[in-house]
Amino acid sequence: MHRVMKTADAVDADMGVLSARATKFCFRVQTSWKTARRKIAAIKKVLLVSITFAVYLPRREQEGLTAVEMITARRGVLRTFAFTMATSVIGIASAATPSVAAVGPTLMPPGATNLEALKKRLAQAPRRRDFKTVPMILDHPEQWDHEALNEVLAYGAAQKQAWDNTDLGGPWLNLMRNALNSQIWSFRHPDFLAVSVTHGTAPLALFDQAMWDKYQLTRLAGEDFETNRLIIGRKTAAADPANYENAAGPFSVEDNPIPALMQRGVVFMSCHNAIWEQAAALIKLDINPDRLSHAALAAELTNHLLDGAVLIPGAAGTLPELQQVGFHYAT
């Protein structure tokens, strides 16, 4: 105990000496504190660190400061350096993440925090688009976009709707647009989520134009669809989204192609069973320029789904999963 008390007394004495030295130093400072602080702030801004005043002083002046201050300063720098390095590594890792869905401009309403977060998570969820062949029945999650599907199933907002869309030429896109507008601006539910469970002929709209050209998908879609016009953006994309009452704006009937609805948070799911049947129809029509097998042709179609689309094992089987977690059925 005596030794401890003696050591404490010695420390107090040392602190007194250091305090005296610091006092003498203060009287030697020629520049005003205001000027000094301004210079220090400029240095901090360049270095992007926040540490004590002592670190920026000449060495002979630092001798009058306590060891505790110097150690604290060094630790602060090390913490800042470590944090910077860690975030740099995270950034590099993120940049190396393979094959994620593209993220486009947003038409999300103010207050749609949950929907915006879901949209970002879906953009990060991987989509496998390098299939060589696919089976008739998908029996393993790796064969469909299970991460993205799970994100949708886990969405916690109360207002969510699953659309049973089957007719390519029907009013399905317009109906979903109307549902969005009513939920957002009439009932004040900005986090409302609409999901298109797309099967029948409707999934033809979820293939890129390259597949439409190669496999003459007009033969399956009908004469009204010489091209996949449902994926073409319209001029209203340049209109001010703040004016949601604009009858020719981005929330009007003038602008409800699939990309515009995706920007508003709508999720488009593509049915594997429908893709398999469309591949069979193309083979039957002898529209198979590479003479692919049924499994390989279905795989190629799958690999050309639109960015952001979610591949599911089957529409009729996925709808009950959505309903079980609170999605309201619509058709």
Foldseek 3Di string as FASTA:
>chain_A
DVVVVVVVVVVVVVVVVLVVLLVVVVVVDPDDPVVLVVVVVVVCVVVVFDADSLVPDDPVSSVSDDPVRVVRRVVRVVVVVVVVVVVVVVVVVVVPQPAFFDDDAALADPPQVLLVVLLVQNRSQHADQPDQFDDLFDDDPVRFSNSNLVSLLPRDDQAEAEEAAAAQPDCVLVVVLVVQCCVCPVVNDSNHEYEYLYAHLNCVLQFDQVCCVLLVCCVVNDPVPSTSCLQDFDPLVPPDSVPCVPCCHCSHPVGRRPVSVVSHRYAYEDELNRLLVVLVVSVVVVSDVVPDDSRRSSSNRSSRGHRRHTYDRGSVVCVVSNVVSNHHYHD
